[in-house]
Amino acid sequence: RAPAKVQSALLEAMQERRVTIGDETYALPDPFLVLATQNPIE
C-alpha cells in the first residue's frame, strides 16, 4: 500500500542495511530484519 518513493527507501535499507538522512548515511542495527505482510486480495 506504500507508494514507489517509500518502497525505494525501504529497498535501500533492505539491501545496504543502511539509510541516508540528508547528507549522512547511518548503519542499521545488527541484526536487522524486515518482516513484511501483504494482502493478495483487494
Full PDB file with SEQRES, HELIX, SHEET, SSBOND, CRYST1, ORIGX, SCALE, CONECT and MASTER records, all heavy atoms in Angstrom:
SEQRES   1 A   42  ARG ALA PRO ALA LYS VAL GLN SER ALA LEU LEU GLU ALA          
SEQRES   2 A   42  MET GLN GLU ARG ARG VAL THR ILE GLY ASP GLU THR TYR          
SEQRES   3 A   42  ALA LEU PRO ASP PRO PHE LEU VAL LEU ALA THR GLN ASN          
SEQRES   4 A   42  PRO ILE GLU                                                  
HELIX    1 AA1 ALA A    4  GLU A   16  1                                  13    
SHEET    1 AA1 2 ARG A  18  ILE A  21  0                                        
SHEET    2 AA1 2 GLU A  24  ALA A  27 -1                                        
CRYST1    1.000    1.000    1.000  90.00  90.00  90.00 P 1           1          
ORIGX1      1.000000  0.000000  0.000000        0.00000                         
ORIGX2      0.000000  1.000000  0.000000        0.00000                         
ORIGX3      0.000000  0.000000  1.000000        0.00000                         
SCALE1      1.000000  0.000000  0.000000        0.00000                         
SCALE2      0.000000  1.000000  0.000000        0.00000                         
SCALE3      0.000000  0.000000  1.000000        0.00000                         
ATOM      1  N   ARG A   1       0.815  -1.216   0.000  1.00  0.00           N  
ATOM      2  CA  ARG A   1       0.000   0.000   0.000  1.00  0.00           C  
ATOM      3  C   ARG A   1       0.848   1.266   0.000  1.00  0.00           C  
ATOM      4  O   ARG A   1       0.319   2.372  -0.015  1.00  0.00           O  
ATOM      5  CB  ARG A   1      -0.952   0.010   1.200  1.00  0.00           C  
ATOM      6  CG  ARG A   1      -2.007  -1.079   1.129  1.00  0.00           C  
ATOM      7  CD  ARG A   1      -3.151  -0.844   2.077  1.00  0.00           C  
ATOM      8  NE  ARG A   1      -4.161  -1.874   1.940  1.00  0.00           N  
ATOM      9  CZ  ARG A   1      -5.127  -1.869   1.031  1.00  0.00           C  
ATOM     10  NH1 ARG A   1      -5.198  -0.854   0.176  1.00  0.00           N  
ATOM     11  NH2 ARG A   1      -6.001  -2.846   0.957  1.00  0.00           N  
ATOM     12  N   ALA A   2       2.179   1.117   0.028  1.00  0.00           N  
ATOM     13  CA  ALA A   2       3.066   2.278   0.046  1.00  0.00           C  
ATOM     14  C   ALA A   2       3.433   2.686  -1.374  1.00  0.00           C  
ATOM     15  O   ALA A   2       3.608   1.835  -2.244  1.00  0.00           O  
ATOM     16  CB  ALA A   2       4.327   1.973   0.844  1.00  0.00           C  
ATOM     17  N   PRO A   3       3.589   3.989  -1.634  1.00  0.00           N  
ATOM     18  CA  PRO A   3       3.967   4.441  -2.982  1.00  0.00           C  
ATOM     19  C   PRO A   3       5.412   4.117  -3.316  1.00  0.00           C  
ATOM     20  O   PRO A   3       6.191   3.666  -2.463  1.00  0.00           O  
ATOM     21  CB  PRO A   3       3.734   5.961  -2.923  1.00  0.00           C  
ATOM     22  CG  PRO A   3       3.837   6.304  -1.469  1.00  0.00           C  
ATOM     23  CD  PRO A   3       3.325   5.110  -0.721  1.00  0.00           C  
ATOM     24  N   ALA A   4       5.798   4.394  -4.551  1.00  0.00           N  
ATOM     25  CA  ALA A   4       7.104   3.969  -5.079  1.00  0.00           C  
ATOM     26  C   ALA A   4       8.269   4.592  -4.307  1.00  0.00           C  
ATOM     27  O   ALA A   4       9.291   3.938  -4.087  1.00  0.00           O  
ATOM     28  CB  ALA A   4       7.202   4.317  -6.559  1.00  0.00           C  
ATOM     29  N   LYS A   5       8.149   5.857  -3.898  1.00  0.00           N  
ATOM     30  CA  LYS A   5       9.255   6.504  -3.198  1.00  0.00           C  
ATOM     31  C   LYS A   5       9.550   5.820  -1.868  1.00  0.00           C  
ATOM     32  O   LYS A   5      10.705   5.665  -1.476  1.00  0.00           O  
ATOM     33  CB  LYS A   5       8.942   7.986  -2.968  1.00  0.00           C  
ATOM     34  CG  LYS A   5       9.058   8.847  -4.217  1.00  0.00           C  
ATOM     35  CD  LYS A   5       8.872  10.317  -3.876  1.00  0.00           C  
ATOM     36  CE  LYS A   5       9.054  11.192  -5.117  1.00  0.00           C  
ATOM     37  NZ  LYS A   5       8.889  12.632  -4.792  1.00  0.00           N  
ATOM     38  N   VAL A   6       8.506   5.425  -1.171  1.00  0.00           N  
ATOM     39  CA  VAL A   6       8.701   4.735   0.108  1.00  0.00           C  
ATOM     40  C   VAL A   6       9.302   3.356  -0.125  1.00  0.00           C  
ATOM     41  O   VAL A   6      10.197   2.920   0.600  1.00  0.00           O  
ATOM     42  CB  VAL A   6       7.360   4.631   0.862  1.00  0.00           C  
ATOM     43  CG1 VAL A   6       7.530   3.847   2.164  1.00  0.00           C  
ATOM     44  CG2 VAL A   6       6.813   6.016   1.157  1.00  0.00           C  
ATOM     45  N   GLN A   7       8.828   2.650  -1.145  1.00  0.00           N  
ATOM     46  CA  GLN A   7       9.382   1.344  -1.458  1.00  0.00           C  
ATOM     47  C   GLN A   7      10.853   1.451  -1.837  1.00  0.00           C  
ATOM     48  O   GLN A   7      11.658   0.578  -1.498  1.00  0.00           O  
ATOM     49  CB  GLN A   7       8.581   0.689  -2.581  1.00  0.00           C  
ATOM     50  CG  GLN A   7       7.154   0.327  -2.178  1.00  0.00           C  
ATOM     51  CD  GLN A   7       6.381  -0.326  -3.305  1.00  0.00           C  
ATOM     52  OE1 GLN A   7       6.893  -0.508  -4.395  1.00  0.00           O  
ATOM     53  NE2 GLN A   7       5.134  -0.669  -3.046  1.00  0.00           N  
ATOM     54  N   SER A   8      11.233   2.524  -2.520  1.00  0.00           N  
ATOM     55  CA  SER A   8      12.638   2.727  -2.878  1.00  0.00           C  
ATOM     56  C   SER A   8      13.492   2.933  -1.631  1.00  0.00           C  
ATOM     57  O   SER A   8      14.605   2.398  -1.536  1.00  0.00           O  
ATOM     58  CB  SER A   8      12.762   3.928  -3.815  1.00  0.00           C  
ATOM     59  OG  SER A   8      14.115   4.184  -4.126  1.00  0.00           O  
ATOM     60  N   ALA A   9      12.994   3.708  -0.674  1.00  0.00           N  
ATOM     61  CA  ALA A   9      13.732   3.923   0.570  1.00  0.00           C  
ATOM     62  C   ALA A   9      13.878   2.623   1.346  1.00  0.00           C  
ATOM     63  O   ALA A   9      14.935   2.332   1.925  1.00  0.00           O  
ATOM     64  CB  ALA A   9      13.024   4.978   1.415  1.00  0.00           C  
ATOM     65  N   LEU A  10      12.821   1.820   1.348  1.00  0.00           N  
ATOM     66  CA  LEU A  10      12.892   0.534   2.037  1.00  0.00           C  
ATOM     67  C   LEU A  10      13.854  -0.405   1.331  1.00  0.00           C  
ATOM     68  O   LEU A  10      14.569  -1.184   1.977  1.00  0.00           O  
ATOM     69  CB  LEU A  10      11.502  -0.092   2.117  1.00  0.00           C  
ATOM     70  CG  LEU A  10      11.391  -1.425   2.856  1.00  0.00           C  
ATOM     71  CD1 LEU A  10      11.796  -1.269   4.318  1.00  0.00           C  
ATOM     72  CD2 LEU A  10       9.974  -1.984   2.751  1.00  0.00           C  
ATOM     73  N   LEU A  11      13.893  -0.337   0.008  1.00  0.00           N  
ATOM     74  CA  LEU A  11      14.795  -1.193  -0.766  1.00  0.00           C  
ATOM     75  C   LEU A  11      16.250  -0.923  -0.398  1.00  0.00           C  
ATOM     76  O   LEU A  11      17.045  -1.852  -0.250  1.00  0.00           O  
ATOM     77  CB  LEU A  11      14.571  -0.965  -2.261  1.00  0.00           C  
ATOM     78  CG  LEU A  11      15.438  -1.779  -3.217  1.00  0.00           C  
ATOM     79  CD1 LEU A  11      15.163  -3.260  -3.044  1.00  0.00           C  
ATOM     80  CD2 LEU A  11      15.178  -1.363  -4.663  1.00  0.00           C  
ATOM     81  N   GLU A  12      16.616   0.349  -0.231  1.00  0.00           N  
ATOM     82  CA  GLU A  12      17.983   0.675   0.166  1.00  0.00           C  
ATOM     83  C   GLU A  12      18.300   0.082   1.533  1.00  0.00           C  
ATOM     84  O   GLU A  12      19.379  -0.478   1.754  1.00  0.00           O  
ATOM     85  CB  GLU A  12      18.190   2.187   0.202  1.00  0.00           C  
ATOM     86  CG  GLU A  12      19.599   2.588   0.638  1.00  0.00           C  
ATOM     87  CD  GLU A  12      19.742   4.067   0.952  1.00  0.00           C  
ATOM     88  OE1 GLU A  12      18.729   4.791   0.934  1.00  0.00           O  
ATOM     89  OE2 GLU A  12      20.886   4.498   1.231  1.00  0.00           O  
ATOM     90  N   ALA A  13      17.348   0.203   2.447  1.00  0.00           N  
ATOM     91  CA  ALA A  13      17.570  -0.324   3.793  1.00  0.00           C  
ATOM     92  C   ALA A  13      17.724  -1.838   3.767  1.00  0.00           C  
ATOM     93  O   ALA A  13      18.584  -2.408   4.455  1.00  0.00           O  
ATOM     94  CB  ALA A  13      16.416   0.084   4.711  1.00  0.00           C  
ATOM     95  N   MET A  14      16.903  -2.514   2.975  1.00  0.00           N  
ATOM     96  CA  MET A  14      16.950  -3.973   2.921  1.00  0.00           C  
ATOM     97  C   MET A  14      18.241  -4.466   2.292  1.00  0.00           C  
ATOM     98  O   MET A  14      18.824  -5.461   2.746  1.00  0.00           O  
ATOM     99  CB  MET A  14      15.743  -4.505   2.141  1.00  0.00           C  
ATOM    100  CG  MET A  14      14.414  -4.285   2.827  1.00  0.00           C  
ATOM    101  SD  MET A  14      13.003  -4.693   1.770  1.00  0.00           S  
ATOM    102  CE  MET A  14      13.297  -6.424   1.419  1.00  0.00           C  
ATOM    103  N   GLN A  15      18.688  -3.802   1.246  1.00  0.00           N  
ATOM    104  CA  GLN A  15      19.859  -4.265   0.522  1.00  0.00           C  
ATOM    105  C   GLN A  15      21.164  -3.819   1.184  1.00  0.00           C  
ATOM    106  O   GLN A  15      22.076  -4.625   1.402  1.00  0.00           O  
ATOM    107  CB  GLN A  15      19.818  -3.765  -0.926  1.00  0.00           C  
ATOM    108  CG  GLN A  15      21.026  -4.149  -1.758  1.00  0.00           C  
ATOM    109  CD  GLN A  15      21.149  -5.644  -1.960  1.00  0.00           C  
ATOM    110  OE1 GLN A  15      20.185  -6.379  -1.778  1.00  0.00           O  
ATOM    111  NE2 GLN A  15      22.338  -6.103  -2.335  1.00  0.00           N  
ATOM    112  N   GLU A  16      21.257  -2.531   1.503  1.00  0.00           N  
ATOM    113  CA  GLU A  16      22.504  -1.973   2.022  1.00  0.00           C  
ATOM    114  C   GLU A  16      22.602  -2.028   3.537  1.00  0.00           C  
ATOM    115  O   GLU A  16      23.690  -1.839   4.094  1.00  0.00           O  
ATOM    116  CB  GLU A  16      22.648  -0.519   1.554  1.00  0.00           C  
ATOM    117  CG  GLU A  16      22.539  -0.320   0.051  1.00  0.00           C  
ATOM    118  CD  GLU A  16      23.658  -1.000  -0.708  1.00  0.00           C  
ATOM    119  OE1 GLU A  16      24.738  -1.211  -0.108  1.00  0.00           O  
ATOM    120  OE2 GLU A  16      23.468  -1.331  -1.901  1.00  0.00           O  
ATOM    121  N   ARG A  17      21.475  -2.246   4.199  1.00  0.00           N  
ATOM    122  CA  ARG A  17      21.398  -2.232   5.667  1.00  0.00           C  
ATOM    123  C   ARG A  17      21.912  -0.903   6.225  1.00  0.00           C  
ATOM    124  O   ARG A  17      22.612  -0.853   7.238  1.00  0.00           O  
ATOM    125  CB  ARG A  17      22.141  -3.428   6.262  1.00  0.00           C  
ATOM    126  CG  ARG A  17      21.541  -4.747   5.774  1.00  0.00           C  
ATOM    127  CD  ARG A  17      22.161  -5.958   6.392  1.00  0.00           C  
ATOM    128  NE  ARG A  17      21.592  -7.155   5.789  1.00  0.00           N  
ATOM    129  CZ  ARG A  17      20.511  -7.794   6.215  1.00  0.00           C  
ATOM    130  NH1 ARG A  17      19.869  -7.331   7.260  1.00  0.00           N  
ATOM    131  NH2 ARG A  17      20.061  -8.874   5.605  1.00  0.00           N  
ATOM    132  N   ARG A  18      21.564   0.136   5.525  1.00  0.00           N  
ATOM    133  CA  ARG A  18      21.868   1.489   5.951  1.00  0.00           C  
ATOM    134  C   ARG A  18      20.911   2.427   5.227  1.00  0.00           C  
ATOM    135  O   ARG A  18      20.327   2.070   4.203  1.00  0.00           O  
ATOM    136  CB  ARG A  18      23.308   1.875   5.630  1.00  0.00           C  
ATOM    137  CG  ARG A  18      23.657   1.798   4.152  1.00  0.00           C  
ATOM    138  CD  ARG A  18      25.134   1.970   3.919  1.00  0.00           C  
ATOM    139  NE  ARG A  18      25.452   1.914   2.502  1.00  0.00           N  
ATOM    140  CZ  ARG A  18      26.685   1.832   2.013  1.00  0.00           C  
ATOM    141  NH1 ARG A  18      27.710   1.808   2.843  1.00  0.00           N  
ATOM    142  NH2 ARG A  18      26.894   1.786   0.710  1.00  0.00           N  
ATOM    143  N   VAL A  19      20.740   3.625   5.779  1.00  0.00           N  
ATOM    144  CA  VAL A  19      19.840   4.598   5.181  1.00  0.00           C  
ATOM    145  C   VAL A  19      20.532   5.956   5.154  1.00  0.00           C  
ATOM    146  O   VAL A  19      21.473   6.207   5.916  1.00  0.00           O  
ATOM    147  CB  VAL A  19      18.498   4.703   5.940  1.00  0.00           C  
ATOM    148  CG1 VAL A  19      17.743   3.396   5.897  1.00  0.00           C  
ATOM    149  CG2 VAL A  19      18.734   5.144   7.372  1.00  0.00           C  
ATOM    150  N   THR A  20      20.043   6.815   4.287  1.00  0.00           N  
ATOM    151  CA  THR A  20      20.605   8.149   4.138  1.00  0.00           C  
ATOM    152  C   THR A  20      19.588   9.178   4.614  1.00  0.00           C  
ATOM    153  O   THR A  20      18.432   9.177   4.158  1.00  0.00           O  
ATOM    154  CB  THR A  20      20.976   8.431   2.672  1.00  0.00           C  
ATOM    155  OG1 THR A  20      21.919   7.441   2.237  1.00  0.00           O  
ATOM    156  CG2 THR A  20      21.588   9.811   2.528  1.00  0.00           C  
ATOM    157  N   ILE A  21      20.011  10.033   5.541  1.00  0.00           N  
ATOM    158  CA  ILE A  21      19.202  11.146   6.018  1.00  0.00           C  
ATOM    159  C   ILE A  21      19.998  12.416   5.743  1.00  0.00           C  
ATOM    160  O   ILE A  21      21.064  12.622   6.326  1.00  0.00           O  
ATOM    161  CB  ILE A  21      18.884  11.026   7.522  1.00  0.00           C  
ATOM    162  CG1 ILE A  21      18.185   9.691   7.824  1.00  0.00           C  
ATOM    163  CG2 ILE A  21      18.031  12.190   7.989  1.00  0.00           C  
ATOM    164  CD1 ILE A  21      17.923   9.465   9.305  1.00  0.00           C  
ATOM    165  N   GLY A  22      19.492  13.253   4.847  1.00  0.00           N  
ATOM    166  CA  GLY A  22      20.251  14.425   4.439  1.00  0.00           C  
ATOM    167  C   GLY A  22      21.487  14.008   3.669  1.00  0.00           C  
ATOM    168  O   GLY A  22      21.408  13.285   2.670  1.00  0.00           O  
ATOM    169  N   ASP A  23      22.640  14.434   4.158  1.00  0.00           N  
ATOM    170  CA  ASP A  23      23.910  14.081   3.513  1.00  0.00           C  
ATOM    171  C   ASP A  23      24.644  12.974   4.248  1.00  0.00           C  
ATOM    172  O   ASP A  23      25.748  12.592   3.851  1.00  0.00           O  
ATOM    173  CB  ASP A  23      24.822  15.317   3.431  1.00  0.00           C  
ATOM    174  CG  ASP A  23      24.249  16.399   2.539  1.00  0.00           C  
ATOM    175  OD1 ASP A  23      23.542  16.034   1.579  1.00  0.00           O  
ATOM    176  OD2 ASP A  23      24.495  17.590   2.815  1.00  0.00           O  
ATOM    177  N   GLU A  24      24.045  12.467   5.309  1.00  0.00           N  
ATOM    178  CA  GLU A  24      24.710  11.460   6.133  1.00  0.00           C  
ATOM    179  C   GLU A  24      24.078  10.086   5.927  1.00  0.00           C  
ATOM    180  O   GLU A  24      22.871   9.966   5.703  1.00  0.00           O  
ATOM    181  CB  GLU A  24      24.646  11.841   7.619  1.00  0.00           C  
ATOM    182  CG  GLU A  24      25.365  13.129   7.966  1.00  0.00           C  
ATOM    183  CD  GLU A  24      26.865  12.987   7.843  1.00  0.00           C  
ATOM    184  OE1 GLU A  24      27.367  11.862   8.033  1.00  0.00           O  
ATOM    185  OE2 GLU A  24      27.535  13.996   7.539  1.00  0.00           O  
ATOM    186  N   THR A  25      24.928   9.072   5.995  1.00  0.00           N  
ATOM    187  CA  THR A  25      24.468   7.686   5.901  1.00  0.00           C  
ATOM    188  C   THR A  25      24.645   7.011   7.257  1.00  0.00           C  
ATOM    189  O   THR A  25      25.695   7.120   7.890  1.00  0.00           O  
ATOM    190  CB  THR A  25      25.258   6.922   4.830  1.00  0.00           C  
ATOM    191  OG1 THR A  25      25.057   7.560   3.560  1.00  0.00           O  
ATOM    192  CG2 THR A  25      24.788   5.481   4.732  1.00  0.00           C  
ATOM    193  N   TYR A  26      23.612   6.307   7.700  1.00  0.00           N  
ATOM    194  CA  TYR A  26      23.612   5.694   9.020  1.00  0.00           C  
ATOM    195  C   TYR A  26      23.415   4.188   8.886  1.00  0.00           C  
ATOM    196  O   TYR A  26      22.540   3.726   8.127  1.00  0.00           O  
ATOM    197  CB  TYR A  26      22.496   6.280   9.888  1.00  0.00           C  
ATOM    198  CG  TYR A  26      22.603   7.772  10.105  1.00  0.00           C  
ATOM    199  CD1 TYR A  26      22.014   8.663   9.201  1.00  0.00           C  
ATOM    200  CD2 TYR A  26      23.294   8.295  11.195  1.00  0.00           C  
ATOM    201  CE1 TYR A  26      22.117  10.034   9.381  1.00  0.00           C  
ATOM    202  CE2 TYR A  26      23.390   9.665  11.387  1.00  0.00           C  
ATOM    203  CZ  TYR A  26      22.805  10.527  10.478  1.00  0.00           C  
ATOM    204  OH  TYR A  26      22.909  11.889  10.662  1.00  0.00           O  
ATOM    205  N   ALA A  27      24.229   3.428   9.603  1.00  0.00           N  
ATOM    206  CA  ALA A  27      24.100   1.970   9.599  1.00  0.00           C  
ATOM    207  C   ALA A  27      22.904   1.556  10.452  1.00  0.00           C  
ATOM    208  O   ALA A  27      22.601   2.182  11.477  1.00  0.00           O  
ATOM    209  CB  ALA A  27      25.375   1.327  10.127  1.00  0.00           C  
ATOM    210  N   LEU A  28      22.235   0.511  10.021  1.00  0.00           N  
ATOM    211  CA  LEU A  28      21.107  -0.028  10.768  1.00  0.00           C  
ATOM    212  C   LEU A  28      21.599  -1.029  11.810  1.00  0.00           C  
ATOM    213  O   LEU A  28      22.716  -1.543  11.707  1.00  0.00           O  
ATOM    214  CB  LEU A  28      20.122  -0.690   9.801  1.00  0.00           C  
ATOM    215  CG  LEU A  28      19.429   0.286   8.845  1.00  0.00           C  
ATOM    216  CD1 LEU A  28      18.677  -0.463   7.761  1.00  0.00           C  
ATOM    217  CD2 LEU A  28      18.481   1.203   9.603  1.00  0.00           C  
ATOM    218  N   PRO A  29      20.788  -1.315  12.815  1.00  0.00           N  
ATOM    219  CA  PRO A  29      21.239  -2.241  13.868  1.00  0.00           C  
ATOM    220  C   PRO A  29      21.546  -3.627  13.309  1.00  0.00           C  
ATOM    221  O   PRO A  29      21.061  -4.015  12.238  1.00  0.00           O  
ATOM    222  CB  PRO A  29      20.045  -2.286  14.833  1.00  0.00           C  
ATOM    223  CG  PRO A  29      19.233  -1.082  14.521  1.00  0.00           C  
ATOM    224  CD  PRO A  29      19.442  -0.788  13.072  1.00  0.00           C  
ATOM    225  N   ASP A  30      22.338  -4.354  14.033  1.00  0.00           N  
ATOM    226  CA  ASP A  30      22.653  -5.739  13.687  1.00  0.00           C  
ATOM    227  C   ASP A  30      22.219  -6.634  14.850  1.00  0.00           C  
ATOM    228  O   ASP A  30      22.687  -6.449  15.968  1.00  0.00           O  
ATOM    229  CB  ASP A  30      24.152  -5.903  13.443  1.00  0.00           C  
ATOM    230  CG  ASP A  30      24.515  -7.310  12.963  1.00  0.00           C  
ATOM    231  OD1 ASP A  30      23.645  -7.947  12.336  1.00  0.00           O  
ATOM    232  OD2 ASP A  30      25.641  -7.752  13.229  1.00  0.00           O  
ATOM    233  N   PRO A  31      21.299  -7.549  14.605  1.00  0.00           N  
ATOM    234  CA  PRO A  31      20.676  -7.928  13.324  1.00  0.00           C  
ATOM    235  C   PRO A  31      19.594  -6.944  12.905  1.00  0.00           C  
ATOM    236  O   PRO A  31      19.012  -6.253  13.735  1.00  0.00           O  
ATOM    237  CB  PRO A  31      20.087  -9.295  13.642  1.00  0.00           C  
ATOM    238  CG  PRO A  31      19.763  -9.239  15.108  1.00  0.00           C  
ATOM    239  CD  PRO A  31      20.858  -8.424  15.724  1.00  0.00           C  
ATOM    240  N   PHE A  32      19.345  -6.923  11.591  1.00  0.00           N  
ATOM    241  CA  PHE A  32      18.272  -6.105  11.022  1.00  0.00           C  
ATOM    242  C   PHE A  32      17.460  -6.980  10.085  1.00  0.00           C  
ATOM    243  O   PHE A  32      18.002  -7.637   9.200  1.00  0.00           O  
ATOM    244  CB  PHE A  32      18.842  -4.913  10.256  1.00  0.00           C  
ATOM    245  CG  PHE A  32      17.804  -4.166   9.452  1.00  0.00           C  
ATOM    246  CD1 PHE A  32      16.868  -3.373  10.082  1.00  0.00           C  
ATOM    247  CD2 PHE A  32      17.773  -4.271   8.060  1.00  0.00           C  
ATOM    248  CE1 PHE A  32      15.909  -2.683   9.343  1.00  0.00           C  
ATOM    249  CE2 PHE A  32      16.827  -3.585   7.322  1.00  0.00           C  
ATOM    250  CZ  PHE A  32      15.887  -2.787   7.967  1.00  0.00           C  
ATOM    251  N   LEU A  33      16.150  -6.994  10.301  1.00  0.00           N  
ATOM    252  CA  LEU A  33      15.296  -7.892   9.533  1.00  0.00           C  
ATOM    253  C   LEU A  33      13.975  -7.196   9.231  1.00  0.00           C  
ATOM    254  O   LEU A  33      13.334  -6.648  10.136  1.00  0.00           O  
ATOM    255  CB  LEU A  33      15.038  -9.181  10.333  1.00  0.00           C  
ATOM    256  CG  LEU A  33      14.536 -10.400   9.571  1.00  0.00           C  
ATOM    257  CD1 LEU A  33      15.578 -10.870   8.580  1.00  0.00           C  
ATOM    258  CD2 LEU A  33      14.208 -11.525  10.553  1.00  0.00           C  
ATOM    259  N   VAL A  34      13.589  -7.199   7.952  1.00  0.00           N  
ATOM    260  CA  VAL A  34      12.286  -6.685   7.537  1.00  0.00           C  
ATOM    261  C   VAL A  34      11.337  -7.863   7.373  1.00  0.00           C  
ATOM    262  O   VAL A  34      11.602  -8.790   6.605  1.00  0.00           O  
ATOM    263  CB  VAL A  34      12.379  -5.891   6.221  1.00  0.00           C  
ATOM    264  CG1 VAL A  34      10.986  -5.508   5.726  1.00  0.00           C  
ATOM    265  CG2 VAL A  34      13.232  -4.646   6.413  1.00  0.00           C  
ATOM    266  N   LEU A  35      10.239  -7.819   8.103  1.00  0.00           N  
ATOM    267  CA  LEU A  35       9.198  -8.828   8.018  1.00  0.00           C  
ATOM    268  C   LEU A  35       7.953  -8.116   7.491  1.00  0.00           C  
ATOM    269  O   LEU A  35       7.347  -7.307   8.197  1.00  0.00           O  
ATOM    270  CB  LEU A  35       8.929  -9.457   9.386  1.00  0.00           C  
ATOM    271  CG  LEU A  35      10.173 -10.008  10.102  1.00  0.00           C  
ATOM    272  CD1 LEU A  35       9.846 -10.424  11.524  1.00  0.00           C  
ATOM    273  CD2 LEU A  35      10.771 -11.172   9.324  1.00  0.00           C  
ATOM    274  N   ALA A  36       7.612  -8.390   6.255  1.00  0.00           N  
ATOM    275  CA  ALA A  36       6.548  -7.646   5.585  1.00  0.00           C  
ATOM    276  C   ALA A  36       5.325  -8.523   5.367  1.00  0.00           C  
ATOM    277  O   ALA A  36       5.433  -9.737   5.196  1.00  0.00           O  
ATOM    278  CB  ALA A  36       7.049  -7.102   4.247  1.00  0.00           C  
ATOM    279  N   THR A  37       4.157  -7.895   5.370  1.00  0.00           N  
ATOM    280  CA  THR A  37       2.918  -8.601   5.066  1.00  0.00           C  
ATOM    281  C   THR A  37       2.235  -7.911   3.902  1.00  0.00           C  
ATOM    282  O   THR A  37       2.386  -6.704   3.695  1.00  0.00           O  
ATOM    283  CB  THR A  37       1.951  -8.613   6.272  1.00  0.00           C  
ATOM    284  OG1 THR A  37       1.454  -7.282   6.502  1.00  0.00           O  
ATOM    285  CG2 THR A  37       2.654  -9.108   7.523  1.00  0.00           C  
ATOM    286  N   GLN A  38       1.508  -8.695   3.131  1.00  0.00           N  
ATOM    287  CA  GLN A  38       0.673  -8.112   2.088  1.00  0.00           C  
ATOM    288  C   GLN A  38      -0.553  -8.981   1.876  1.00  0.00           C  
ATOM    289  O   GLN A  38      -0.538 -10.189   2.146  1.00  0.00           O  
ATOM    290  CB  GLN A  38       1.436  -7.913   0.785  1.00  0.00           C  
ATOM    291  CG  GLN A  38       1.814  -9.163   0.033  1.00  0.00           C  
ATOM    292  CD  GLN A  38       2.464  -8.843  -1.315  1.00  0.00           C  
ATOM    293  OE1 GLN A  38       2.698  -7.688  -1.654  1.00  0.00           O  
ATOM    294  NE2 GLN A  38       2.740  -9.869  -2.090  1.00  0.00           N  
ATOM    295  N   ASN A  39      -1.606  -8.338   1.411  1.00  0.00           N  
ATOM    296  CA  ASN A  39      -2.897  -8.978   1.210  1.00  0.00           C  
ATOM    297  C   ASN A  39      -3.053  -9.306  -0.271  1.00  0.00           C  
ATOM    298  O   ASN A  39      -2.946  -8.413  -1.112  1.00  0.00           O  
ATOM    299  CB  ASN A  39      -3.998  -8.013   1.676  1.00  0.00           C  
ATOM    300  CG  ASN A  39      -5.374  -8.638   1.646  1.00  0.00           C  
ATOM    301  OD1 ASN A  39      -5.582  -9.698   1.067  1.00  0.00           O  
ATOM    302  ND2 ASN A  39      -6.333  -7.971   2.261  1.00  0.00           N  
ATOM    303  N   PRO A  40      -3.285 -10.580  -0.635  1.00  0.00           N  
ATOM    304  CA  PRO A  40      -3.383 -10.931  -2.063  1.00  0.00           C  
ATOM    305  C   PRO A  40      -4.691 -10.505  -2.708  1.00  0.00           C  
ATOM    306  O   PRO A  40      -4.845 -10.625  -3.924  1.00  0.00           O  
ATOM    307  CB  PRO A  40      -3.251 -12.456  -2.043  1.00  0.00           C  
ATOM    308  CG  PRO A  40      -3.814 -12.856  -0.715  1.00  0.00           C  
ATOM    309  CD  PRO A  40      -3.434 -11.750   0.237  1.00  0.00           C  
ATOM    310  N   ILE A  41      -5.661 -10.036  -1.912  1.00  0.00           N  
ATOM    311  CA  ILE A  41      -6.934  -9.586  -2.465  1.00  0.00           C  
ATOM    312  C   ILE A  41      -7.046  -8.073  -2.295  1.00  0.00           C  
ATOM    313  O   ILE A  41      -6.214  -7.438  -1.660  1.00  0.00           O  
ATOM    314  CB  ILE A  41      -8.127 -10.301  -1.787  1.00  0.00           C  
ATOM    315  CG1 ILE A  41      -8.125 -10.027  -0.274  1.00  0.00           C  
ATOM    316  CG2 ILE A  41      -8.059 -11.795  -2.038  1.00  0.00           C  
ATOM    317  CD1 ILE A  41      -9.316 -10.638   0.453  1.00  0.00           C  
ATOM    318  N   GLU A  42      -8.081  -7.500  -2.862  1.00  0.00           N  
ATOM    319  CA  GLU A  42      -8.319  -6.052  -2.788  1.00  0.00           C  
ATOM    320  C   GLU A  42      -7.094  -5.269  -3.273  1.00  0.00           C  
ATOM    321  O   GLU A  42      -6.436  -4.561  -2.527  1.00  0.00           O  
ATOM    322  CB  GLU A  42      -8.667  -5.634  -1.356  1.00  0.00           C  
ATOM    323  CG  GLU A  42      -9.950  -6.248  -0.830  1.00  0.00           C  
ATOM    324  CD  GLU A  42     -10.255  -5.819   0.593  1.00  0.00           C  
ATOM    325  OE1 GLU A  42      -9.396  -5.184   1.226  1.00  0.00           O  
ATOM    326  OE2 GLU A  42     -11.364  -6.123   1.056  1.00  0.00           O  
TER     327      GLU A  42                                                      
MASTER        0    0    0    1    2    0    0    6  326    1    0    4          
END                                                                             
